[in-house]
Amino acid sequence: QNLGAQLYRHAAAGVTTTEAGQAFAQRLKAVSGQIEALVEAVNT
């Protein structure tokens, strides 16, 4: 709702990501990894 974009759809296994939602999830995973790297860099 906050983003104003459809991230999920109904599938046989239940509610899952749309194609756009899946791509966005992958990009956020990269962001999350960079945040972890930031913390590690400061700690070391």
PDB file of all heavy atoms in Angstrom:
ATOM      1  N   GLN A   1       0.834  -1.204   0.000  1.00  0.00           N
ATOM      2  CA  GLN A   1       0.000   0.000   0.000  1.00  0.00           C
ATOM      3  C   GLN A   1       0.869   1.255   0.000  1.00  0.00           C
ATOM      4  O   GLN A   1       0.588   2.214  -0.729  1.00  0.00           O
ATOM      5  CB  GLN A   1      -0.910  -0.008   1.226  1.00  0.00           C
ATOM      6  CG  GLN A   1      -1.846   1.196   1.312  1.00  0.00           C
ATOM      7  CD  GLN A   1      -2.761   1.131   2.521  1.00  0.00           C
ATOM      8  OE1 GLN A   1      -2.550   0.364   3.448  1.00  0.00           O
ATOM      9  NE2 GLN A   1      -3.791   1.947   2.526  1.00  0.00           N
ATOM     10  N   ASN A   2       1.920   1.259   0.819  1.00  0.00           N
ATOM     11  CA  ASN A   2       2.787   2.442   0.908  1.00  0.00           C
ATOM     12  C   ASN A   2       3.491   2.730  -0.412  1.00  0.00           C
ATOM     13  O   ASN A   2       3.694   3.893  -0.779  1.00  0.00           O
ATOM     14  CB  ASN A   2       3.826   2.249   2.010  1.00  0.00           C
ATOM     15  CG  ASN A   2       3.218   2.270   3.404  1.00  0.00           C
ATOM     16  OD1 ASN A   2       2.067   2.673   3.598  1.00  0.00           O
ATOM     17  ND2 ASN A   2       3.981   1.832   4.386  1.00  0.00           N
ATOM     18  N   LEU A   3       3.866   1.668  -1.128  1.00  0.00           N
ATOM     19  CA  LEU A   3       4.601   1.840  -2.382  1.00  0.00           C
ATOM     20  C   LEU A   3       3.685   2.145  -3.559  1.00  0.00           C
ATOM     21  O   LEU A   3       4.129   2.681  -4.578  1.00  0.00           O
ATOM     22  CB  LEU A   3       5.422   0.582  -2.683  1.00  0.00           C
ATOM     23  CG  LEU A   3       6.598   0.308  -1.750  1.00  0.00           C
ATOM     24  CD1 LEU A   3       7.241  -1.028  -2.079  1.00  0.00           C
ATOM     25  CD2 LEU A   3       7.633   1.429  -1.841  1.00  0.00           C
ATOM     26  N   GLY A   4       2.420   1.780  -3.440  1.00  0.00           N
ATOM     27  CA  GLY A   4       1.497   2.013  -4.542  1.00  0.00           C
ATOM     28  C   GLY A   4       1.804   1.149  -5.748  1.00  0.00           C
ATOM     29  O   GLY A   4       1.730   1.612  -6.891  1.00  0.00           O
ATOM     30  N   ALA A   5       2.163  -0.097  -5.517  1.00  0.00           N
ATOM     31  CA  ALA A   5       2.485  -1.045  -6.594  1.00  0.00           C
ATOM     32  C   ALA A   5       2.056  -2.445  -6.177  1.00  0.00           C
ATOM     33  O   ALA A   5       2.143  -2.798  -4.999  1.00  0.00           O
ATOM     34  CB  ALA A   5       3.983  -1.024  -6.897  1.00  0.00           C
ATOM     35  N   GLN A   6       1.590  -3.240  -7.120  1.00  0.00           N
ATOM     36  CA  GLN A   6       1.149  -4.594  -6.806  1.00  0.00           C
ATOM     37  C   GLN A   6       2.364  -5.498  -6.657  1.00  0.00           C
ATOM     38  O   GLN A   6       3.116  -5.719  -7.608  1.00  0.00           O
ATOM     39  CB  GLN A   6       0.225  -5.142  -7.894  1.00  0.00           C
ATOM     40  CG  GLN A   6      -0.361  -6.503  -7.526  1.00  0.00           C
ATOM     41  CD  GLN A   6      -1.363  -7.010  -8.555  1.00  0.00           C
ATOM     42  OE1 GLN A   6      -1.694  -6.305  -9.503  1.00  0.00           O
ATOM     43  NE2 GLN A   6      -1.853  -8.222  -8.365  1.00  0.00           N
ATOM     44  N   LEU A   7       2.531  -6.048  -5.455  1.00  0.00           N
ATOM     45  CA  LEU A   7       3.673  -6.904  -5.172  1.00  0.00           C
ATOM     46  C   LEU A   7       3.303  -8.379  -5.088  1.00  0.00           C
ATOM     47  O   LEU A   7       4.180  -9.238  -5.197  1.00  0.00           O
ATOM     48  CB  LEU A   7       4.322  -6.492  -3.834  1.00  0.00           C
ATOM     49  CG  LEU A   7       4.842  -5.048  -3.735  1.00  0.00           C
ATOM     50  CD1 LEU A   7       5.350  -4.780  -2.321  1.00  0.00           C
ATOM     51  CD2 LEU A   7       5.929  -4.801  -4.762  1.00  0.00           C
ATOM     52  N   TYR A   8       2.004  -8.675  -4.921  1.00  0.00           N
ATOM     53  CA  TYR A   8       1.592 -10.055  -4.658  1.00  0.00           C
ATOM     54  C   TYR A   8       0.443 -10.477  -5.575  1.00  0.00           C
ATOM     55  O   TYR A   8      -0.296  -9.652  -6.091  1.00  0.00           O
ATOM     56  CB  TYR A   8       1.161 -10.209  -3.193  1.00  0.00           C
ATOM     57  CG  TYR A   8       2.120  -9.558  -2.234  1.00  0.00           C
ATOM     58  CD1 TYR A   8       1.803  -8.344  -1.620  1.00  0.00           C
ATOM     59  CD2 TYR A   8       3.364 -10.124  -1.966  1.00  0.00           C
ATOM     60  CE1 TYR A   8       2.690  -7.722  -0.752  1.00  0.00           C
ATOM     61  CE2 TYR A   8       4.263  -9.515  -1.106  1.00  0.00           C
ATOM     62  CZ  TYR A   8       3.920  -8.314  -0.503  1.00  0.00           C
ATOM     63  OH  TYR A   8       4.804  -7.694   0.337  1.00  0.00           O
ATOM     64  N   ARG A   9       0.295 -11.796  -5.736  1.00  0.00           N
ATOM     65  CA  ARG A   9      -0.773 -12.375  -6.537  1.00  0.00           C
ATOM     66  C   ARG A   9      -1.149 -13.722  -5.938  1.00  0.00           C
ATOM     67  O   ARG A   9      -0.367 -14.340  -5.198  1.00  0.00           O
ATOM     68  CB  ARG A   9      -0.308 -12.587  -7.990  1.00  0.00           C
ATOM     69  CG  ARG A   9       0.844 -13.554  -8.134  1.00  0.00           C
ATOM     70  CD  ARG A   9       1.283 -13.736  -9.567  1.00  0.00           C
ATOM     71  NE  ARG A   9       2.433 -14.640  -9.674  1.00  0.00           N
ATOM     72  CZ  ARG A   9       2.361 -15.965  -9.692  1.00  0.00           C
ATOM     73  NH1 ARG A   9       1.158 -16.555  -9.625  1.00  0.00           N
ATOM     74  NH2 ARG A   9       3.446 -16.710  -9.783  1.00  0.00           N
ATOM     75  N   HIS A  10      -2.351 -14.177  -6.283  1.00  0.00           N
ATOM     76  CA  HIS A  10      -2.820 -15.476  -5.820  1.00  0.00           C
ATOM     77  C   HIS A  10      -2.318 -16.565  -6.767  1.00  0.00           C
ATOM     78  O   HIS A  10      -2.361 -16.424  -7.993  1.00  0.00           O
ATOM     79  CB  HIS A  10      -4.350 -15.514  -5.747  1.00  0.00           C
ATOM     80  CG  HIS A  10      -4.903 -14.686  -4.628  1.00  0.00           C
ATOM     81  ND1 HIS A  10      -4.975 -15.148  -3.334  1.00  0.00           N
ATOM     82  CD2 HIS A  10      -5.400 -13.415  -4.614  1.00  0.00           C
ATOM     83  CE1 HIS A  10      -5.497 -14.208  -2.562  1.00  0.00           C
ATOM     84  NE2 HIS A  10      -5.758 -13.142  -3.315  1.00  0.00           N
ATOM     85  N   ALA A  11      -1.801 -17.655  -6.194  1.00  0.00           N
ATOM     86  CA  ALA A  11      -1.311 -18.793  -6.971  1.00  0.00           C
ATOM     87  C   ALA A  11      -1.820 -20.073  -6.308  1.00  0.00           C
ATOM     88  O   ALA A  11      -2.456 -20.036  -5.244  1.00  0.00           O
ATOM     89  CB  ALA A  11       0.212 -18.780  -7.031  1.00  0.00           C
ATOM     90  N   ALA A  12      -1.526 -21.206  -6.943  1.00  0.00           N
ATOM     91  CA  ALA A  12      -1.998 -22.485  -6.414  1.00  0.00           C
ATOM     92  C   ALA A  12      -1.477 -22.738  -5.005  1.00  0.00           C
ATOM     93  O   ALA A  12      -2.176 -23.301  -4.156  1.00  0.00           O
ATOM     94  CB  ALA A  12      -1.555 -23.612  -7.352  1.00  0.00           C
ATOM     95  N   ALA A  13      -0.241 -22.312  -4.732  1.00  0.00           N
ATOM     96  CA  ALA A  13       0.362 -22.547  -3.417  1.00  0.00           C
ATOM     97  C   ALA A  13      -0.049 -21.502  -2.390  1.00  0.00           C
ATOM     98  O   ALA A  13       0.306 -21.605  -1.216  1.00  0.00           O
ATOM     99  CB  ALA A  13       1.881 -22.562  -3.547  1.00  0.00           C
ATOM    100  N   GLY A  14      -0.804 -20.487  -2.825  1.00  0.00           N
ATOM    101  CA  GLY A  14      -1.208 -19.413  -1.926  1.00  0.00           C
ATOM    102  C   GLY A  14      -0.825 -18.067  -2.514  1.00  0.00           C
ATOM    103  O   GLY A  14      -0.618 -17.943  -3.720  1.00  0.00           O
ATOM    104  N   VAL A  15      -0.706 -17.076  -1.678  1.00  0.00           N
ATOM    105  CA  VAL A  15      -0.328 -15.746  -2.139  1.00  0.00           C
ATOM    106  C   VAL A  15       1.196 -15.685  -2.283  1.00  0.00           C
ATOM    107  O   VAL A  15       1.934 -16.013  -1.357  1.00  0.00           O
ATOM    108  CB  VAL A  15      -0.798 -14.657  -1.161  1.00  0.00           C
ATOM    109  CG1 VAL A  15      -0.395 -13.274  -1.671  1.00  0.00           C
ATOM    110  CG2 VAL A  15      -2.311 -14.728  -0.976  1.00  0.00           C
ATOM    111  N   THR A  16       1.665 -15.251  -3.430  1.00  0.00           N
ATOM    112  CA  THR A  16       3.091 -15.148  -3.698  1.00  0.00           C
ATOM    113  C   THR A  16       3.381 -13.815  -4.371  1.00  0.00           C
ATOM    114  O   THR A  16       2.481 -12.976  -4.528  1.00  0.00           O
ATOM    115  CB  THR A  16       3.574 -16.318  -4.570  1.00  0.00           C
ATOM    116  OG1 THR A  16       5.001 -16.276  -4.679  1.00  0.00           O
ATOM    117  CG2 THR A  16       2.951 -16.273  -5.954  1.00  0.00           C
ATOM    118  N   THR A  17       4.609 -13.577  -4.781  1.00  0.00           N
ATOM    119  CA  THR A  17       4.976 -12.299  -5.386  1.00  0.00           C
ATOM    120  C   THR A  17       4.615 -12.257  -6.868  1.00  0.00           C
ATOM    121  O   THR A  17       4.642 -13.275  -7.562  1.00  0.00           O
ATOM    122  CB  THR A  17       6.481 -12.040  -5.240  1.00  0.00           C
ATOM    123  OG1 THR A  17       7.204 -13.167  -5.736  1.00  0.00           O
ATOM    124  CG2 THR A  17       6.865 -11.784  -3.802  1.00  0.00           C
ATOM    125  N   THR A  18       4.308 -11.057  -7.336  1.00  0.00           N
ATOM    126  CA  THR A  18       4.173 -10.837  -8.773  1.00  0.00           C
ATOM    127  C   THR A  18       5.580 -10.807  -9.365  1.00  0.00           C
ATOM    128  O   THR A  18       6.583 -10.848  -8.645  1.00  0.00           O
ATOM    129  CB  THR A  18       3.487  -9.487  -9.053  1.00  0.00           C
ATOM    130  OG1 THR A  18       4.306  -8.443  -8.477  1.00  0.00           O
ATOM    131  CG2 THR A  18       2.102  -9.433  -8.444  1.00  0.00           C
ATOM    132  N   GLU A  19       5.667 -10.727 -10.671  1.00  0.00           N
ATOM    133  CA  GLU A  19       6.985 -10.629 -11.309  1.00  0.00           C
ATOM    134  C   GLU A  19       7.716  -9.378 -10.833  1.00  0.00           C
ATOM    135  O   GLU A  19       8.917  -9.423 -10.516  1.00  0.00           O
ATOM    136  CB  GLU A  19       6.826 -10.603 -12.830  1.00  0.00           C
ATOM    137  CG  GLU A  19       8.146 -10.600 -13.592  1.00  0.00           C
ATOM    138  CD  GLU A  19       7.958 -10.663 -15.094  1.00  0.00           C
ATOM    139  OE1 GLU A  19       6.852 -11.028 -15.544  1.00  0.00           O
ATOM    140  OE2 GLU A  19       8.923 -10.351 -15.825  1.00  0.00           O
ATOM    141  N   ALA A  20       6.976  -8.267 -10.760  1.00  0.00           N
ATOM    142  CA  ALA A  20       7.575  -7.024 -10.274  1.00  0.00           C
ATOM    143  C   ALA A  20       7.960  -7.138  -8.797  1.00  0.00           C
ATOM    144  O   ALA A  20       9.013  -6.646  -8.374  1.00  0.00           O
ATOM    145  CB  ALA A  20       6.604  -5.856 -10.470  1.00  0.00           C
ATOM    146  N   GLY A  21       7.095  -7.797  -8.034  1.00  0.00           N
ATOM    147  CA  GLY A  21       7.375  -7.986  -6.616  1.00  0.00           C
ATOM    148  C   GLY A  21       8.599  -8.848  -6.384  1.00  0.00           C
ATOM    149  O   GLY A  21       9.399  -8.599  -5.471  1.00  0.00           O
ATOM    150  N   GLN A  22       8.770  -9.884  -7.210  1.00  0.00           N
ATOM    151  CA  GLN A  22       9.929 -10.757  -7.096  1.00  0.00           C
ATOM    152  C   GLN A  22      11.218  -9.997  -7.415  1.00  0.00           C
ATOM    153  O   GLN A  22      12.228 -10.138  -6.711  1.00  0.00           O
ATOM    154  CB  GLN A  22       9.778 -11.952  -8.043  1.00  0.00           C
ATOM    155  CG  GLN A  22      10.931 -12.957  -7.992  1.00  0.00           C
ATOM    156  CD  GLN A  22      11.006 -13.677  -6.664  1.00  0.00           C
ATOM    157  OE1 GLN A  22      10.033 -13.728  -5.910  1.00  0.00           O
ATOM    158  NE2 GLN A  22      12.168 -14.222  -6.352  1.00  0.00           N
ATOM    159  N   ALA A  23      11.179  -9.182  -8.462  1.00  0.00           N
ATOM    160  CA  ALA A  23      12.357  -8.392  -8.825  1.00  0.00           C
ATOM    161  C   ALA A  23      12.682  -7.389  -7.721  1.00  0.00           C
ATOM    162  O   ALA A  23      13.859  -7.170  -7.389  1.00  0.00           O
ATOM    163  CB  ALA A  23      12.114  -7.667 -10.151  1.00  0.00           C
ATOM    164  N   PHE A  24      11.644  -6.799  -7.140  1.00  0.00           N
ATOM    165  CA  PHE A  24      11.846  -5.839  -6.060  1.00  0.00           C
ATOM    166  C   PHE A  24      12.422  -6.531  -4.830  1.00  0.00           C
ATOM    167  O   PHE A  24      13.306  -5.980  -4.147  1.00  0.00           O
ATOM    168  CB  PHE A  24      10.521  -5.159  -5.723  1.00  0.00           C
ATOM    169  CG  PHE A  24      10.636  -4.012  -4.773  1.00  0.00           C
ATOM    170  CD1 PHE A  24      11.412  -2.903  -5.085  1.00  0.00           C
ATOM    171  CD2 PHE A  24       9.958  -4.021  -3.570  1.00  0.00           C
ATOM    172  CE1 PHE A  24      11.513  -1.835  -4.211  1.00  0.00           C
ATOM    173  CE2 PHE A  24      10.049  -2.962  -2.685  1.00  0.00           C
ATOM    174  CZ  PHE A  24      10.831  -1.862  -3.004  1.00  0.00           C
ATOM    175  N   ALA A  25      11.949  -7.735  -4.553  1.00  0.00           N
ATOM    176  CA  ALA A  25      12.470  -8.503  -3.416  1.00  0.00           C
ATOM    177  C   ALA A  25      13.957  -8.788  -3.591  1.00  0.00           C
ATOM    178  O   ALA A  25      14.734  -8.715  -2.631  1.00  0.00           O
ATOM    179  CB  ALA A  25      11.689  -9.811  -3.265  1.00  0.00           C
ATOM    180  N   GLN A  26      14.360  -9.116  -4.800  1.00  0.00           N
ATOM    181  CA  GLN A  26      15.774  -9.385  -5.069  1.00  0.00           C
ATOM    182  C   GLN A  26      16.621  -8.130  -4.856  1.00  0.00           C
ATOM    183  O   GLN A  26      17.733  -8.196  -4.319  1.00  0.00           O
ATOM    184  CB  GLN A  26      15.949  -9.899  -6.502  1.00  0.00           C
ATOM    185  CG  GLN A  26      15.417 -11.308  -6.728  1.00  0.00           C
ATOM    186  CD  GLN A  26      16.161 -12.336  -5.876  1.00  0.00           C
ATOM    187  OE1 GLN A  26      17.388 -12.298  -5.747  1.00  0.00           O
ATOM    188  NE2 GLN A  26      15.409 -13.254  -5.298  1.00  0.00           N
ATOM    189  N   ARG A  27      16.092  -6.997  -5.257  1.00  0.00           N
ATOM    190  CA  ARG A  27      16.838  -5.741  -5.073  1.00  0.00           C
ATOM    191  C   ARG A  27      16.922  -5.381  -3.593  1.00  0.00           C
ATOM    192  O   ARG A  27      17.957  -4.906  -3.119  1.00  0.00           O
ATOM    193  CB  ARG A  27      16.182  -4.622  -5.882  1.00  0.00           C
ATOM    194  CG  ARG A  27      16.250  -4.853  -7.389  1.00  0.00           C
ATOM    195  CD  ARG A  27      15.731  -3.660  -8.180  1.00  0.00           C
ATOM    196  NE  ARG A  27      15.788  -3.957  -9.613  1.00  0.00           N
ATOM    197  CZ  ARG A  27      14.744  -4.313 -10.346  1.00  0.00           C
ATOM    198  NH1 ARG A  27      13.533  -4.396  -9.791  1.00  0.00           N
ATOM    199  NH2 ARG A  27      14.888  -4.577 -11.637  1.00  0.00           N
ATOM    200  N   LEU A  28      15.841  -5.621  -2.857  1.00  0.00           N
ATOM    201  CA  LEU A  28      15.879  -5.349  -1.425  1.00  0.00           C
ATOM    202  C   LEU A  28      16.811  -6.317  -0.709  1.00  0.00           C
ATOM    203  O   LEU A  28      17.429  -5.953   0.302  1.00  0.00           O
ATOM    204  CB  LEU A  28      14.473  -5.435  -0.820  1.00  0.00           C
ATOM    205  CG  LEU A  28      13.515  -4.289  -1.129  1.00  0.00           C
ATOM    206  CD1 LEU A  28      12.269  -4.410  -0.271  1.00  0.00           C
ATOM    207  CD2 LEU A  28      14.179  -2.934  -0.900  1.00  0.00           C
ATOM    208  N   LYS A  29      16.933  -7.518  -1.218  1.00  0.00           N
ATOM    209  CA  LYS A  29      17.883  -8.468  -0.633  1.00  0.00           C
ATOM    210  C   LYS A  29      19.303  -7.948  -0.798  1.00  0.00           C
ATOM    211  O   LYS A  29      20.140  -8.083   0.112  1.00  0.00           O
ATOM    212  CB  LYS A  29      17.736  -9.844  -1.289  1.00  0.00           C
ATOM    213  CG  LYS A  29      18.589 -10.926  -0.630  1.00  0.00           C
ATOM    214  CD  LYS A  29      18.298 -12.288  -1.232  1.00  0.00           C
ATOM    215  CE  LYS A  29      19.116 -13.374  -0.525  1.00  0.00           C
ATOM    216  NZ  LYS A  29      18.826 -14.724  -1.092  1.00  0.00           N
ATOM    217  N   ALA A  30      19.588  -7.340  -1.940  1.00  0.00           N
ATOM    218  CA  ALA A  30      20.907  -6.744  -2.165  1.00  0.00           C
ATOM    219  C   ALA A  30      21.117  -5.572  -1.206  1.00  0.00           C
ATOM    220  O   ALA A  30      22.216  -5.402  -0.652  1.00  0.00           O
ATOM    221  CB  ALA A  30      21.029  -6.276  -3.610  1.00  0.00           C
ATOM    222  N   VAL A  31      20.083  -4.773  -0.991  1.00  0.00           N
ATOM    223  CA  VAL A  31      20.165  -3.659  -0.050  1.00  0.00           C
ATOM    224  C   VAL A  31      20.450  -4.182   1.358  1.00  0.00           C
ATOM    225  O   VAL A  31      21.301  -3.645   2.073  1.00  0.00           O
ATOM    226  CB  VAL A  31      18.861  -2.842  -0.061  1.00  0.00           C
ATOM    227  CG1 VAL A  31      18.834  -1.848   1.096  1.00  0.00           C
ATOM    228  CG2 VAL A  31      18.705  -2.110  -1.382  1.00  0.00           C
ATOM    229  N   SER A  32      19.725  -5.231   1.745  1.00  0.00           N
ATOM    230  CA  SER A  32      19.921  -5.822   3.067  1.00  0.00           C
ATOM    231  C   SER A  32      21.355  -6.321   3.237  1.00  0.00           C
ATOM    232  O   SER A  32      21.967  -6.137   4.296  1.00  0.00           O
ATOM    233  CB  SER A  32      18.929  -6.971   3.279  1.00  0.00           C
ATOM    234  OG  SER A  32      19.056  -7.514   4.580  1.00  0.00           O
ATOM    235  N   GLY A  33      21.880  -6.927   2.201  1.00  0.00           N
ATOM    236  CA  GLY A  33      23.256  -7.405   2.253  1.00  0.00           C
ATOM    237  C   GLY A  33      24.242  -6.258   2.407  1.00  0.00           C
ATOM    238  O   GLY A  33      25.249  -6.379   3.123  1.00  0.00           O
ATOM    239  N   GLN A  34      23.963  -5.130   1.763  1.00  0.00           N
ATOM    240  CA  GLN A  34      24.841  -3.968   1.869  1.00  0.00           C
ATOM    241  C   GLN A  34      24.769  -3.347   3.265  1.00  0.00           C
ATOM    242  O   GLN A  34      25.766  -2.829   3.772  1.00  0.00           O
ATOM    243  CB  GLN A  34      24.479  -2.938   0.806  1.00  0.00           C
ATOM    244  CG  GLN A  34      24.837  -3.372  -0.605  1.00  0.00           C
ATOM    245  CD  GLN A  34      24.483  -2.316  -1.646  1.00  0.00           C
ATOM    246  OE1 GLN A  34      23.806  -1.357  -1.347  1.00  0.00           O
ATOM    247  NE2 GLN A  34      24.955  -2.517  -2.864  1.00  0.00           N
ATOM    248  N   ILE A  35      23.597  -3.400   3.880  1.00  0.00           N
ATOM    249  CA  ILE A  35      23.469  -2.894   5.256  1.00  0.00           C
ATOM    250  C   ILE A  35      24.282  -3.773   6.195  1.00  0.00           C
ATOM    251  O   ILE A  35      24.975  -3.275   7.096  1.00  0.00           O
ATOM    252  CB  ILE A  35      21.993  -2.842   5.686  1.00  0.00           C
ATOM    253  CG1 ILE A  35      21.233  -1.802   4.858  1.00  0.00           C
ATOM    254  CG2 ILE A  35      21.872  -2.518   7.171  1.00  0.00           C
ATOM    255  CD1 ILE A  35      19.737  -1.756   5.127  1.00  0.00           C
ATOM    256  N   GLU A  36      24.217  -5.088   6.010  1.00  0.00           N
ATOM    257  CA  GLU A  36      25.014  -5.992   6.828  1.00  0.00           C
ATOM    258  C   GLU A  36      26.509  -5.728   6.628  1.00  0.00           C
ATOM    259  O   GLU A  36      27.295  -5.756   7.584  1.00  0.00           O
ATOM    260  CB  GLU A  36      24.685  -7.442   6.479  1.00  0.00           C
ATOM    261  CG  GLU A  36      23.281  -7.876   6.892  1.00  0.00           C
ATOM    262  CD  GLU A  36      22.989  -9.318   6.514  1.00  0.00           C
ATOM    263  OE1 GLU A  36      23.906  -9.989   5.975  1.00  0.00           O
ATOM    264  OE2 GLU A  36      21.867  -9.778   6.767  1.00  0.00           O
ATOM    265  N   ALA A  37      26.897  -5.444   5.383  1.00  0.00           N
ATOM    266  CA  ALA A  37      28.296  -5.145   5.089  1.00  0.00           C
ATOM    267  C   ALA A  37      28.719  -3.838   5.751  1.00  0.00           C
ATOM    268  O   ALA A  37      29.868  -3.707   6.212  1.00  0.00           O
ATOM    269  CB  ALA A  37      28.513  -5.075   3.579  1.00  0.00           C
ATOM    270  N   LEU A  38      27.816  -2.862   5.810  1.00  0.00           N
ATOM    271  CA  LEU A  38      28.092  -1.603   6.491  1.00  0.00           C
ATOM    272  C   LEU A  38      28.379  -1.851   7.970  1.00  0.00           C
ATOM    273  O   LEU A  38      29.372  -1.334   8.515  1.00  0.00           O
ATOM    274  CB  LEU A  38      26.899  -0.659   6.344  1.00  0.00           C
ATOM    275  CG  LEU A  38      26.837   0.547   7.298  1.00  0.00           C
ATOM    276  CD1 LEU A  38      28.014   1.480   7.062  1.00  0.00           C
ATOM    277  CD2 LEU A  38      25.515   1.280   7.152  1.00  0.00           C
ATOM    278  N   VAL A  39      27.531  -2.628   8.609  1.00  0.00           N
ATOM    279  CA  VAL A  39      27.725  -2.932  10.028  1.00  0.00           C
ATOM    280  C   VAL A  39      29.049  -3.640  10.248  1.00  0.00           C
ATOM    281  O   VAL A  39      29.805  -3.318  11.175  1.00  0.00           O
ATOM    282  CB  VAL A  39      26.554  -3.786  10.556  1.00  0.00           C
ATOM    283  CG1 VAL A  39      26.824  -4.239  11.992  1.00  0.00           C
ATOM    284  CG2 VAL A  39      25.245  -3.014  10.483  1.00  0.00           C
ATOM    285  N   GLU A  40      29.354  -4.601   9.397  1.00  0.00           N
ATOM    286  CA  GLU A  40      30.607  -5.345   9.516  1.00  0.00           C
ATOM    287  C   GLU A  40      31.809  -4.424   9.319  1.00  0.00           C
ATOM    288  O   GLU A  40      32.817  -4.525  10.028  1.00  0.00           O
ATOM    289  CB  GLU A  40      30.640  -6.479   8.489  1.00  0.00           C
ATOM    290  CG  GLU A  40      31.848  -7.387   8.590  1.00  0.00           C
ATOM    291  CD  GLU A  40      31.905  -8.164   9.890  1.00  0.00           C
ATOM    292  OE1 GLU A  40      30.839  -8.366  10.519  1.00  0.00           O
ATOM    293  OE2 GLU A  40      33.014  -8.564  10.290  1.00  0.00           O
ATOM    294  N   ALA A  41      31.710  -3.509   8.356  1.00  0.00           N
ATOM    295  CA  ALA A  41      32.816  -2.583   8.077  1.00  0.00           C
ATOM    296  C   ALA A  41      33.073  -1.668   9.270  1.00  0.00           C
ATOM    297  O   ALA A  41      34.232  -1.386   9.607  1.00  0.00           O
ATOM    298  CB  ALA A  41      32.504  -1.754   6.831  1.00  0.00           C
ATOM    299  N   VAL A  42      32.005  -1.201   9.909  1.00  0.00           N
ATOM    300  CA  VAL A  42      32.169  -0.335  11.082  1.00  0.00           C
ATOM    301  C   VAL A  42      32.750  -1.139  12.249  1.00  0.00           C
ATOM    302  O   VAL A  42      33.634  -0.659  12.970  1.00  0.00           O
ATOM    303  CB  VAL A  42      30.823   0.304  11.477  1.00  0.00           C
ATOM    304  CG1 VAL A  42      30.943   1.022  12.825  1.00  0.00           C
ATOM    305  CG2 VAL A  42      30.367   1.278  10.408  1.00  0.00           C
ATOM    306  N   ASN A  43      32.268  -2.369  12.424  1.00  0.00           N
ATOM    307  CA  ASN A  43      32.751  -3.201  13.525  1.00  0.00           C
ATOM    308  C   ASN A  43      34.229  -3.544  13.395  1.00  0.00           C
ATOM    309  O   ASN A  43      34.921  -3.756  14.399  1.00  0.00           O
ATOM    310  CB  ASN A  43      31.929  -4.496  13.606  1.00  0.00           C
ATOM    311  CG  ASN A  43      30.516  -4.253  14.100  1.00  0.00           C
ATOM    312  OD1 ASN A  43      30.229  -3.221  14.704  1.00  0.00           O
ATOM    313  ND2 ASN A  43      29.623  -5.186  13.839  1.00  0.00           N
ATOM    314  N   THR A  44      34.721  -3.627  12.169  1.00  0.00           N
ATOM    315  CA  THR A  44      36.115  -4.009  11.936  1.00  0.00           C
ATOM    316  C   THR A  44      36.977  -2.812  11.545  1.00  0.00           C
ATOM    317  O   THR A  44      38.111  -2.988  11.116  1.00  0.00           O
ATOM    318  CB  THR A  44      36.203  -5.079  10.834  1.00  0.00           C
ATOM    319  OG1 THR A  44      35.621  -4.571   9.617  1.00  0.00           O
ATOM    320  CG2 THR A  44      35.475  -6.350  11.253  1.00  0.00           C
TER     321      THR A  44
END
